[in-house]
Amino acid sequence: MLKEFLRRILSNRGYVINRFDTGIPPTLAEILEAIRQPSVMVCFDSEVRIQSEILAIFPPEQVQFVTPLPPPANGITGAGQPTPVAPSGPFAAVIDLAGSPLSALLARFPWLARAEVLLLRCPLGSFWSGEIDLCHLTSDLQKRGFGLEDVIDLTVGPQLEAAFARPTFVFRPAGRPGTQARNSRYRVNEALALLSTPIAQARDFRLLASRGSHGFAGGVFNPGAIIVDDQVRLLCRTERYPWQQMKADESLYFAATPALLLSLGRNGEITQTAELALSGLPDGPASRVEDFRLFQFRGEAYSNHSVISASQPGAPTRGPLQLETMQTRVGVSRLDLRAGRLTWCGVPDLGRPLQRTEKNWAMFADNDRLFLLYSFSPYVLFASRNWPGLEFAPQREAQIALPFSGDGLPVRNSINPVSYDSDHWLHLVHKVYPGKRYSFWAVLIDKKTLLPVRSTVRPVVHGWKSHPAAIIYTCAAIVRDTDVMLCAGVDDCGTAIATISRERLDAEWVALTPTETGSSK
């Protein structure tokens, strides 16, 4: 009872209870203590605090301090000698990447590649500036046989404070037993998502609409996208009222709000807008539609989208909005561009129990086959049995070990997959880190096996780094000959597009090996 009461109170204020525990990372002292015997420590870090921590655990005769050539930012230089002596036995190394670039050190002292542990430290500011990229760093060390085991002291705050934070990255040779700290996978994945430059960067994005655009005070955002008559069409969610007003008055939340169709020119500029009426919603004035995803099948355009219904039938109340009492389903509507109308078709029948809140289903077509991707991790794919009926049958089920999964956070569908080449569909999936920090990765689905076969390790899109916004949600992709247009919602109020080259995307693929757990042909 108390948990439900707290959940309701927090929901009314825009918060959601998240029970995921990220775990407490080990301290640098604990890492040092674990490698103390029989190792020698070689320290390429002139920060006095770090040297003091090392000397508190290692006897002085087991330590070599090497002062990097550039002086530390604070001007306080600890003990040091210009050239280290290659240890004859097991050793560990602490390296300040800002003072001693790793590639230069490995070229000068190749014996560093024999280390039992590499503890790499760097100011967060070096990642924000793009001077250091964690994906590149991890990939380079993987080629030398090292894997990223854990991350210490990673606190992501305002960018102005980034220069004062200095996380430590713990690398060990592959297969070597480590500390096995609780939830280290989470910390590693979070660091790789936040501290790697995404494929789509701020310079690639263009903001098309936001709060107040086209007369919608709450914004125009979360666009679905398709190409019709050689023109990109975006179908956007709109809000007539700002969120704070809707939270206080349920009737405003359910007030009829049309979808907004944006037609784009060759350079991505808006050439035409049109409001689309919604007809046939299942619960009338006590339901609303949002977050459109578009697909084409048998010469017609459709949208799969969320349908939110009030807990009680009839007219909405004027009281506070209580989202926790409402039902969220995924519905399908037919999109008639000429008539300017979305017509309700119904809710897909998957023949399985569904939750009170269902979201993030994806739909896509291949000639005369229509698919519905219920979830990505685990991978659960359905196929239409009787279109235009809405019965779907299981098609593929699989477990997929993704390079960014395994940390307890769900990996969810983001867009409707679209054809990428003759053999694959392009899909985007996402994870949400605390603070609504979204990261998106690209996946290729094989058209023959209907299973994911490649993904990126580097995020395609990430908030702040891809666009100056805390929340950025990629809703659709348009694949062209040489590039991919990404269509995204920004800060739950705006619409933006970005263009990335296919060559850039193709450089990031790694192979996946799905384990099929069920199928029906």
Protein backbone atom coordinates (compact mmCIF):
# COMPACT_ATOMS: atom_id res chain seq x y z
CA MET A 1 0.00 0.00 0.00
CA LEU A 2 2.75 2.47 0.92
CA LYS A 3 4.68 1.72 -2.28
CA GLU A 4 1.59 2.27 -4.42
CA PHE A 5 0.78 5.49 -2.56
CA LEU A 6 4.31 6.82 -3.10
CA ARG A 7 4.24 5.75 -6.75
CA ARG A 8 0.97 7.64 -7.30
CA ILE A 9 2.20 10.79 -5.53
CA LEU A 10 5.48 10.82 -7.45
CA SER A 11 3.72 10.11 -10.74
CA ASN A 12 1.46 13.12 -10.22
CA ARG A 13 4.64 15.18 -9.99
CA GLY A 14 6.21 13.72 -13.08
CA TYR A 15 8.49 11.15 -11.40
CA VAL A 16 8.72 7.39 -11.91
CA ILE A 17 10.09 4.95 -9.32
CA ASN A 18 13.07 3.10 -10.76
CA ARG A 19 14.23 0.17 -8.64
CA PHE A 20 17.35 -0.56 -10.67
CA ASP A 21 20.44 -0.60 -8.43
CA THR A 22 23.66 0.48 -10.13
CA GLY A 23 25.76 -0.91 -7.29
CA ILE A 24 28.65 0.71 -5.45
CA PRO A 25 31.86 0.72 -7.48
CA PRO A 26 35.11 -0.27 -5.84
CA THR A 27 37.42 2.51 -4.68
CA LEU A 28 40.84 3.07 -6.17
CA ALA A 29 42.34 1.89 -2.88
CA GLU A 30 40.42 -1.41 -3.14
CA ILE A 31 41.67 -1.93 -6.69
CA LEU A 32 45.24 -1.19 -5.60
CA GLU A 33 44.95 -3.51 -2.60
CA ALA A 34 43.72 -6.34 -4.84
CA ILE A 35 46.81 -6.10 -7.10
CA ARG A 36 49.38 -5.35 -4.38
CA GLN A 37 50.96 -8.80 -4.29
CA PRO A 38 53.19 -9.64 -6.06
CA SER A 39 52.96 -6.67 -8.40
CA VAL A 40 55.18 -3.68 -8.98
CA MET A 41 53.39 -0.37 -9.58
CA VAL A 42 54.50 2.00 -12.35
CA CYS A 43 52.81 5.38 -12.03
CA PHE A 44 52.62 7.83 -14.95
CA ASP A 45 50.50 10.25 -12.92
CA SER A 46 51.94 13.26 -11.11
CA GLU A 47 48.87 14.02 -8.98
CA VAL A 48 49.95 14.01 -5.35
CA ARG A 49 46.71 12.42 -4.08
CA ILE A 50 47.10 9.41 -6.36
CA GLN A 51 50.75 8.96 -5.49
CA SER A 52 49.84 9.12 -1.80
CA GLU A 53 47.18 6.42 -2.23
CA ILE A 54 49.71 4.20 -4.01
CA LEU A 55 52.33 4.65 -1.27
CA ALA A 56 49.74 3.87 1.40
CA ILE A 57 49.45 0.36 -0.07
CA PHE A 58 52.66 -0.41 -1.97
CA PRO A 59 56.12 -0.35 -0.32
CA PRO A 60 58.29 2.39 -1.88
CA GLU A 61 60.68 -0.19 -3.35
CA GLN A 62 57.78 -1.63 -5.42
CA VAL A 63 56.84 1.73 -6.96
CA GLN A 64 58.22 3.68 -9.90
CA PHE A 65 56.93 7.24 -10.35
CA VAL A 66 57.33 8.71 -13.82
CA THR A 67 56.46 12.35 -14.26
CA PRO A 68 54.69 13.06 -17.57
CA LEU A 69 56.20 15.81 -19.65
CA PRO A 70 53.27 18.31 -19.48
CA PRO A 71 52.83 19.67 -15.92
CA PRO A 72 49.54 18.96 -14.10
CA ALA A 73 46.81 21.59 -14.26
CA ASN A 74 47.04 22.39 -10.54
CA GLY A 75 50.77 23.01 -10.75
CA ILE A 76 51.56 20.59 -7.90
CA THR A 77 54.00 17.95 -9.09
CA GLY A 78 54.71 14.81 -7.08
CA ALA A 79 57.76 12.58 -7.08
CA GLY A 80 59.02 11.32 -10.41
CA GLN A 81 61.81 10.07 -12.59
CA PRO A 82 62.12 10.63 -16.35
CA THR A 83 62.41 7.00 -17.58
CA PRO A 84 60.90 3.87 -16.00
CA VAL A 85 62.65 0.54 -15.81
CA ALA A 86 60.78 -2.37 -17.38
CA PRO A 87 59.60 -4.63 -14.51
CA SER A 88 60.87 -8.19 -14.70
CA GLY A 89 57.76 -9.66 -13.07
CA PRO A 90 54.06 -8.88 -12.69
CA PHE A 91 53.20 -5.20 -12.53
CA ALA A 92 50.36 -2.71 -12.80
CA ALA A 93 50.38 0.82 -14.22
CA VAL A 94 48.51 4.02 -13.45
CA ILE A 95 48.47 6.41 -16.41
CA ASP A 96 47.20 9.97 -16.65
CA LEU A 97 45.97 10.10 -20.25
CA ALA A 98 45.92 13.89 -20.27
CA GLY A 99 49.64 14.04 -19.42
CA SER A 100 50.79 10.86 -21.13
CA PRO A 101 48.85 9.83 -24.27
CA LEU A 102 48.52 6.06 -24.23
CA SER A 103 49.57 5.50 -27.84
CA ALA A 104 52.79 7.45 -27.26
CA LEU A 105 53.56 5.58 -24.05
CA LEU A 106 52.97 2.16 -25.63
CA ALA A 107 55.19 3.10 -28.57
CA ARG A 108 57.97 4.23 -26.22
CA PHE A 109 57.48 1.52 -23.57
CA PRO A 110 56.00 -1.54 -25.33
CA TRP A 111 56.43 -3.60 -22.15
CA LEU A 112 53.36 -1.75 -20.78
CA ALA A 113 51.28 -4.22 -22.82
CA ARG A 114 52.37 -6.91 -20.30
CA ALA A 115 50.65 -5.16 -17.39
CA GLU A 116 48.31 -7.16 -15.18
CA VAL A 117 46.17 -4.06 -14.76
CA LEU A 118 46.08 -0.69 -16.50
CA LEU A 119 44.42 2.09 -14.49
CA LEU A 120 43.78 4.93 -16.91
CA ARG A 121 42.74 8.33 -15.54
CA CYS A 122 41.52 11.37 -17.41
CA PRO A 123 39.52 14.59 -16.80
CA LEU A 124 35.92 14.34 -17.96
CA GLY A 125 36.51 17.54 -19.87
CA SER A 126 38.73 15.61 -22.30
CA PHE A 127 35.72 13.51 -23.29
CA TRP A 128 33.29 16.43 -23.60
CA SER A 129 35.78 18.23 -25.85
CA GLY A 130 36.28 15.15 -28.02
CA GLU A 131 40.00 14.99 -27.25
CA ILE A 132 39.54 11.43 -25.96
CA ASP A 133 36.89 8.94 -27.09
CA LEU A 134 36.18 5.93 -24.88
CA CYS A 135 35.05 3.72 -27.77
CA HIS A 136 38.33 4.36 -29.58
CA LEU A 137 40.34 3.84 -26.41
CA THR A 138 38.58 0.57 -25.59
CA SER A 139 38.87 -0.70 -29.18
CA ASP A 140 42.61 0.09 -29.31
CA LEU A 141 43.24 -1.77 -26.06
CA GLN A 142 41.10 -4.73 -27.15
CA LYS A 143 43.50 -5.18 -30.06
CA ARG A 144 46.27 -5.47 -27.45
CA GLY A 145 44.32 -8.04 -25.45
CA PHE A 146 42.81 -5.78 -22.77
CA GLY A 147 39.17 -5.43 -21.77
CA LEU A 148 37.45 -2.65 -19.83
CA GLU A 149 36.53 -4.22 -16.48
CA ASP A 150 35.18 -1.34 -14.39
CA VAL A 151 34.93 2.44 -14.05
CA ILE A 152 35.67 4.31 -10.84
CA ASP A 153 34.65 7.85 -9.86
CA LEU A 154 32.45 8.55 -12.89
CA THR A 155 30.04 11.27 -11.81
CA VAL A 156 28.39 13.01 -14.75
CA GLY A 157 27.32 16.49 -13.70
CA PRO A 158 27.05 19.88 -15.41
CA GLN A 159 29.58 20.29 -18.19
CA LEU A 160 31.22 23.22 -16.38
CA GLU A 161 32.26 20.78 -13.67
CA ALA A 162 33.65 18.21 -16.09
CA ALA A 163 37.24 19.41 -15.78
CA PHE A 164 37.23 18.67 -12.03
CA ALA A 165 36.09 15.03 -12.30
CA ARG A 166 38.69 12.37 -13.09
CA PRO A 167 37.25 8.88 -13.57
CA THR A 168 39.54 5.84 -13.55
CA PHE A 169 39.13 3.10 -16.17
CA VAL A 170 40.23 -0.38 -15.10
CA PHE A 171 41.61 -2.50 -17.96
CA ARG A 172 42.76 -6.12 -17.56
CA PRO A 173 44.05 -8.68 -20.05
CA ALA A 174 41.19 -10.74 -21.48
CA GLY A 175 40.54 -13.88 -19.45
CA ARG A 176 42.49 -12.66 -16.41
CA PRO A 177 40.41 -12.84 -13.20
CA GLY A 178 39.44 -9.43 -11.86
CA THR A 179 37.66 -7.94 -8.89
CA GLN A 180 34.18 -9.00 -10.12
CA ALA A 181 32.69 -5.91 -8.49
CA ARG A 182 28.90 -5.81 -8.39
CA ASN A 183 27.24 -4.25 -11.45
CA SER A 184 30.56 -3.41 -13.12
CA ARG A 185 28.88 -4.14 -16.47
CA TYR A 186 26.45 -1.31 -15.84
CA ARG A 187 29.25 1.15 -15.10
CA VAL A 188 31.21 0.07 -18.16
CA ASN A 189 28.19 0.38 -20.48
CA GLU A 190 27.21 3.74 -19.02
CA ALA A 191 30.71 5.10 -19.52
CA LEU A 192 30.88 3.83 -23.12
CA ALA A 193 27.52 5.46 -23.89
CA LEU A 194 28.25 8.80 -22.23
CA LEU A 195 31.94 9.22 -23.03
CA SER A 196 32.03 8.11 -26.67
CA THR A 197 31.31 10.57 -29.46
CA PRO A 198 28.01 9.50 -31.07
CA ILE A 199 27.81 8.97 -34.81
CA ALA A 200 25.23 11.79 -35.13
CA GLN A 201 26.69 14.95 -33.65
CA ALA A 202 25.30 18.40 -32.92
CA ARG A 203 26.49 19.76 -36.26
CA ASP A 204 24.38 17.11 -38.04
CA PHE A 205 21.06 18.17 -36.47
CA ARG A 206 18.56 20.81 -37.54
CA LEU A 207 15.63 21.88 -35.35
CA LEU A 208 12.38 22.08 -37.34
CA ALA A 209 9.76 22.83 -34.67
CA SER A 210 9.39 23.34 -30.94
CA ARG A 211 7.09 24.89 -28.31
CA GLY A 212 4.74 27.38 -29.94
CA SER A 213 5.42 26.16 -33.48
CA HIS A 214 2.35 26.09 -35.73
CA GLY A 215 0.20 27.27 -32.84
CA PHE A 216 0.91 24.38 -30.44
CA ALA A 217 2.01 25.79 -27.09
CA GLY A 218 3.11 22.39 -25.79
CA GLY A 219 5.21 21.62 -28.86
CA VAL A 220 5.46 19.55 -32.04
CA PHE A 221 7.60 16.45 -31.52
CA ASN A 222 8.30 12.69 -31.81
CA PRO A 223 7.88 12.38 -35.60
CA GLY A 224 7.26 9.20 -37.54
CA ALA A 225 8.54 9.33 -41.13
CA ILE A 226 8.03 7.77 -44.56
CA ILE A 227 8.72 8.75 -48.17
CA VAL A 228 5.62 9.32 -50.32
CA ASP A 229 5.89 10.60 -53.91
CA ASP A 230 9.65 11.10 -53.43
CA GLN A 231 9.03 13.44 -50.52
CA VAL A 232 9.80 12.91 -46.83
CA ARG A 233 6.66 13.17 -44.69
CA LEU A 234 6.85 13.53 -40.91
CA LEU A 235 3.81 12.79 -38.74
CA CYS A 236 4.31 14.57 -35.43
CA ARG A 237 2.65 14.49 -32.06
CA THR A 238 1.31 17.90 -31.02
CA GLU A 239 0.26 19.40 -27.69
CA ARG A 240 -1.99 22.45 -27.42
CA TYR A 241 -1.16 22.91 -23.74
CA PRO A 242 2.13 22.87 -21.84
CA TRP A 243 2.79 19.82 -19.69
CA GLN A 244 2.37 21.67 -16.39
CA GLN A 245 -1.17 22.68 -17.34
CA MET A 246 -2.09 19.16 -18.43
CA LYS A 247 -0.75 17.67 -15.19
CA ALA A 248 -3.14 19.88 -13.25
CA ASP A 249 -6.18 19.27 -15.48
CA GLU A 250 -6.92 15.85 -16.98
CA SER A 251 -9.43 17.32 -19.42
CA LEU A 252 -6.63 19.31 -21.10
CA TYR A 253 -4.58 16.13 -21.48
CA PHE A 254 -7.44 14.46 -23.37
CA ALA A 255 -8.43 17.56 -25.34
CA ALA A 256 -8.52 16.73 -29.04
CA THR A 257 -5.06 17.38 -30.46
CA PRO A 258 -4.46 16.63 -34.13
CA ALA A 259 -1.40 14.99 -35.60
CA LEU A 260 0.67 17.42 -37.66
CA LEU A 261 2.00 16.35 -41.05
CA LEU A 262 5.21 18.08 -42.15
CA SER A 263 6.37 17.73 -45.76
CA LEU A 264 10.09 18.30 -46.29
CA GLY A 265 11.97 19.60 -49.28
CA ARG A 266 15.22 18.28 -50.71
CA ASN A 267 17.30 20.17 -48.17
CA GLY A 268 15.18 19.15 -45.20
CA GLU A 269 13.21 22.38 -45.03
CA ILE A 270 9.47 22.35 -44.25
CA THR A 271 7.52 22.97 -47.45
CA GLN A 272 3.98 22.23 -46.28
CA THR A 273 2.06 21.49 -43.07
CA ALA A 274 -1.35 19.93 -42.50
CA GLU A 275 -3.33 18.98 -39.40
CA LEU A 276 -4.75 15.46 -39.56
CA ALA A 277 -8.03 14.55 -37.91
CA LEU A 278 -8.26 11.35 -35.88
CA SER A 279 -11.40 9.28 -36.25
CA GLY A 280 -12.75 6.15 -34.59
CA LEU A 281 -10.73 6.10 -31.38
CA PRO A 282 -11.90 3.22 -29.17
CA ASP A 283 -12.74 5.24 -26.05
CA GLY A 284 -13.84 8.50 -27.64
CA PRO A 285 -13.05 11.63 -25.62
CA ALA A 286 -11.44 9.56 -22.87
CA SER A 287 -8.55 8.42 -25.09
CA ARG A 288 -5.67 10.04 -26.95
CA VAL A 289 -3.11 8.98 -29.55
CA GLU A 290 0.59 9.89 -29.52
CA ASP A 291 4.04 8.95 -30.79
CA PHE A 292 3.37 7.88 -34.37
CA ARG A 293 5.55 5.38 -36.23
CA LEU A 294 4.87 5.02 -39.95
CA PHE A 295 5.06 2.12 -42.41
CA GLN A 296 3.71 1.26 -45.87
CA PHE A 297 2.06 -2.01 -46.80
CA ARG A 298 0.26 -3.09 -49.97
CA GLY A 299 0.22 0.44 -51.36
CA GLU A 300 -1.24 2.04 -48.21
CA ALA A 301 0.33 4.11 -45.44
CA TYR A 302 -0.25 3.21 -41.79
CA SER A 303 0.80 4.29 -38.34
CA ASN A 304 1.39 2.21 -35.25
CA HIS A 305 1.12 4.45 -32.20
CA SER A 306 0.33 4.62 -28.50
CA VAL A 307 -3.30 4.85 -27.37
CA ILE A 308 -3.83 6.10 -23.82
CA SER A 309 -7.24 5.63 -22.22
CA ALA A 310 -8.61 7.06 -18.99
CA SER A 311 -9.40 4.68 -16.16
CA GLN A 312 -13.09 5.67 -16.27
CA PRO A 313 -15.23 5.90 -19.43
CA GLY A 314 -16.92 9.13 -20.38
CA ALA A 315 -15.71 12.70 -20.26
CA PRO A 316 -12.33 13.32 -18.53
CA THR A 317 -12.36 15.08 -15.16
CA ARG A 318 -10.98 18.52 -14.40
CA GLY A 319 -8.84 17.06 -11.63
CA PRO A 320 -5.09 16.28 -11.59
CA LEU A 321 -3.75 13.90 -14.22
CA GLN A 322 -3.15 10.40 -12.85
CA LEU A 323 -1.14 8.53 -15.47
CA GLU A 324 -0.64 5.52 -13.20
CA THR A 325 -4.37 4.71 -13.42
CA MET A 326 -4.52 4.77 -17.23
CA GLN A 327 -4.10 2.07 -19.83
CA THR A 328 -1.57 2.39 -22.64
CA ARG A 329 -1.91 0.16 -25.71
CA VAL A 330 -0.40 0.04 -29.19
CA GLY A 331 -2.90 0.64 -31.97
CA VAL A 332 -2.82 0.84 -35.76
CA SER A 333 -4.44 3.54 -37.89
CA ARG A 334 -4.62 4.03 -41.64
CA LEU A 335 -3.03 7.24 -42.91
CA ASP A 336 -4.90 8.92 -45.76
CA LEU A 337 -2.71 11.78 -46.97
CA ARG A 338 -5.18 13.05 -49.54
CA ALA A 339 -8.09 13.23 -47.11
CA GLY A 340 -5.85 14.42 -44.28
CA ARG A 341 -7.13 11.78 -41.87
CA LEU A 342 -5.97 9.00 -39.57
CA THR A 343 -8.61 6.27 -39.28
CA TRP A 344 -8.49 3.82 -36.41
CA CYS A 345 -7.99 0.17 -37.41
CA GLY A 346 -7.63 -1.50 -34.03
CA VAL A 347 -5.23 -3.12 -31.58
CA PRO A 348 -3.05 -5.98 -32.88
CA ASP A 349 -3.95 -9.37 -31.39
CA LEU A 350 -0.75 -11.23 -30.46
CA GLY A 351 -2.49 -14.15 -28.79
CA ARG A 352 -0.61 -13.58 -25.55
CA PRO A 353 -1.28 -11.75 -22.26
CA LEU A 354 -0.41 -8.07 -22.36
CA GLN A 355 0.51 -5.62 -19.62
CA ARG A 356 -1.50 -2.57 -18.61
CA THR A 357 1.15 -0.41 -20.27
CA GLU A 358 2.39 -1.57 -23.68
CA LYS A 359 4.74 0.59 -25.74
CA ASN A 360 7.66 0.43 -28.15
CA TRP A 361 6.22 -2.06 -30.62
CA ALA A 362 7.68 -1.77 -34.12
CA MET A 363 6.05 -2.69 -37.46
CA PHE A 364 7.57 -3.12 -40.91
CA ALA A 365 6.79 -4.80 -44.21
CA ASP A 366 8.65 -6.95 -46.71
CA ASN A 367 6.71 -7.23 -49.97
CA ASP A 368 3.57 -9.16 -48.95
CA ARG A 369 4.71 -9.91 -45.40
CA LEU A 370 3.93 -7.65 -42.44
CA PHE A 371 5.90 -7.99 -39.21
CA LEU A 372 5.44 -6.74 -35.68
CA LEU A 373 8.50 -6.62 -33.42
CA TYR A 374 7.06 -6.88 -29.91
CA SER A 375 10.37 -6.52 -28.08
CA PHE A 376 14.03 -6.46 -28.98
CA SER A 377 15.63 -7.94 -25.86
CA PRO A 378 14.48 -10.66 -25.75
CA TYR A 379 13.86 -10.59 -29.48
CA VAL A 380 10.20 -11.45 -30.14
CA LEU A 381 8.91 -11.10 -33.71
CA PHE A 382 5.36 -11.68 -34.96
CA ALA A 383 3.95 -11.90 -38.50
CA SER A 384 0.48 -10.96 -39.73
CA ARG A 385 -1.92 -13.86 -40.25
CA ASN A 386 -4.98 -12.24 -41.84
CA TRP A 387 -4.38 -8.61 -42.88
CA PRO A 388 -6.39 -6.37 -42.93
CA GLY A 389 -7.32 -8.32 -39.83
CA LEU A 390 -5.03 -7.70 -36.89
CA GLU A 391 -4.13 -11.23 -35.82
CA PHE A 392 -0.38 -11.85 -35.53
CA ALA A 393 1.43 -15.17 -35.01
CA PRO A 394 4.89 -15.80 -33.45
CA GLN A 395 7.64 -15.81 -36.06
CA ARG A 396 11.02 -15.61 -34.28
CA GLU A 397 12.20 -15.58 -30.68
CA ALA A 398 15.84 -15.21 -29.73
CA GLN A 399 18.27 -14.06 -27.07
CA ILE A 400 20.86 -11.60 -28.34
CA ALA A 401 24.12 -10.71 -26.61
CA LEU A 402 24.55 -7.07 -27.56
CA PRO A 403 27.78 -5.14 -26.95
CA PHE A 404 25.79 -2.61 -24.88
CA SER A 405 23.46 -4.99 -22.99
CA GLY A 406 23.82 -7.20 -19.93
CA ASP A 407 23.65 -4.47 -17.31
CA GLY A 408 20.04 -4.75 -16.17
CA LEU A 409 18.65 -1.88 -18.24
CA PRO A 410 16.09 -2.90 -20.90
CA VAL A 411 16.92 -2.46 -24.59
CA ARG A 412 13.80 -1.24 -26.39
CA ASN A 413 12.64 -0.63 -29.96
CA SER A 414 12.93 2.99 -31.10
CA ILE A 415 11.83 3.14 -34.75
CA ASN A 416 10.04 1.04 -37.34
CA PRO A 417 12.78 -0.90 -39.19
CA VAL A 418 13.41 0.28 -42.75
CA SER A 419 15.14 -1.37 -45.69
CA TYR A 420 18.89 -0.68 -45.60
CA ASP A 421 20.13 -2.82 -48.49
CA SER A 422 19.07 -5.95 -50.35
CA ASP A 423 19.87 -8.15 -47.35
CA HIS A 424 19.05 -6.08 -44.26
CA TRP A 425 16.64 -3.81 -42.47
CA LEU A 426 18.00 -0.94 -40.40
CA HIS A 427 16.65 -0.72 -36.87
CA LEU A 428 17.40 1.58 -33.93
CA VAL A 429 17.11 0.56 -30.29
CA HIS A 430 17.66 2.50 -27.08
CA LYS A 431 18.36 2.38 -23.37
CA VAL A 432 17.48 5.01 -20.76
CA TYR A 433 20.02 5.89 -18.11
CA PRO A 434 18.99 7.70 -14.90
CA GLY A 435 17.98 11.30 -15.52
CA LYS A 436 16.23 10.37 -18.82
CA ARG A 437 19.56 10.13 -20.63
CA TYR A 438 18.70 8.23 -23.82
CA SER A 439 21.29 6.39 -25.90
CA PHE A 440 20.49 4.84 -29.29
CA TRP A 441 22.31 2.15 -31.27
CA ALA A 442 21.80 0.88 -34.81
CA VAL A 443 21.07 -2.77 -35.65
CA LEU A 444 20.87 -4.68 -38.93
CA ILE A 445 18.18 -7.38 -39.20
CA ASP A 446 18.74 -10.10 -41.80
CA LYS A 447 15.88 -10.28 -44.31
CA LYS A 448 16.20 -14.06 -44.71
CA THR A 449 16.61 -15.22 -41.13
CA LEU A 450 14.61 -12.31 -39.66
CA LEU A 451 17.21 -12.06 -36.89
CA PRO A 452 19.60 -9.25 -35.88
CA VAL A 453 23.09 -9.92 -37.24
CA ARG A 454 25.03 -6.67 -36.66
CA SER A 455 24.98 -3.68 -34.35
CA THR A 456 27.03 -0.64 -33.56
CA VAL A 457 29.07 -0.44 -30.37
CA ARG A 458 29.21 3.33 -30.55
CA PRO A 459 25.90 5.11 -29.90
CA VAL A 460 24.27 6.61 -32.97
CA VAL A 461 22.53 9.31 -30.92
CA HIS A 462 22.97 10.51 -27.34
CA GLY A 463 21.52 13.48 -25.47
CA TRP A 464 23.68 16.62 -25.14
CA LYS A 465 26.36 15.20 -27.42
CA SER A 466 24.10 14.74 -30.46
CA HIS A 467 22.00 17.84 -29.81
CA PRO A 468 22.03 20.54 -27.10
CA ALA A 469 19.13 18.91 -25.26
CA ALA A 470 18.87 16.64 -22.24
CA ILE A 471 16.23 14.42 -23.88
CA ILE A 472 16.49 13.38 -27.50
CA TYR A 473 14.41 10.50 -28.84
CA THR A 474 15.04 9.05 -32.31
CA CYS A 475 11.66 8.06 -33.75
CA ALA A 476 12.32 7.29 -37.42
CA ALA A 477 14.97 6.79 -40.10
CA ILE A 478 14.91 7.48 -43.81
CA VAL A 479 17.54 5.50 -45.75
CA ARG A 480 18.88 7.06 -48.93
CA ASP A 481 21.65 6.13 -51.37
CA THR A 482 24.55 7.66 -49.46
CA ASP A 483 23.10 8.77 -46.14
CA VAL A 484 20.48 8.17 -43.46
CA MET A 485 18.13 10.87 -42.18
CA LEU A 486 17.30 10.50 -38.49
CA CYS A 487 14.09 12.09 -37.20
CA ALA A 488 13.91 12.83 -33.50
CA GLY A 489 11.92 14.40 -30.72
CA VAL A 490 13.81 16.96 -28.63
CA ASP A 491 13.12 17.69 -24.95
CA ASP A 492 9.53 16.38 -25.31
CA CYS A 493 8.54 19.47 -27.28
CA GLY A 494 10.55 19.77 -30.52
CA THR A 495 11.29 18.01 -33.80
CA ALA A 496 14.77 17.75 -35.30
CA ILE A 497 16.40 15.89 -38.18
CA ALA A 498 19.99 14.80 -38.70
CA THR A 499 21.86 13.35 -41.65
CA ILE A 500 24.68 10.83 -41.23
CA SER A 501 26.62 9.16 -44.02
CA ARG A 502 26.17 5.46 -44.61
CA GLU A 503 29.94 5.18 -44.88
CA ARG A 504 30.28 6.53 -41.33
CA LEU A 505 27.62 4.11 -40.06
CA ASP A 506 29.08 1.12 -41.91
CA ALA A 507 32.44 1.66 -40.20
CA GLU A 508 30.88 0.87 -36.80
CA TRP A 509 29.21 -2.52 -37.36
CA VAL A 510 30.15 -5.55 -35.27
CA ALA A 511 28.73 -9.06 -35.71
CA LEU A 512 25.99 -10.46 -33.48
CA THR A 513 25.27 -14.13 -32.75
CA PRO A 514 21.62 -14.53 -31.78
CA THR A 515 20.53 -17.69 -30.00
CA GLU A 516 17.14 -18.68 -31.34
CA THR A 517 14.73 -19.88 -28.67
CA GLY A 518 11.57 -20.32 -30.75
CA SER A 519 10.14 -19.83 -34.22
CA SER A 520 7.09 -20.53 -36.32
CA LYS A 521 7.07 -20.64 -40.09
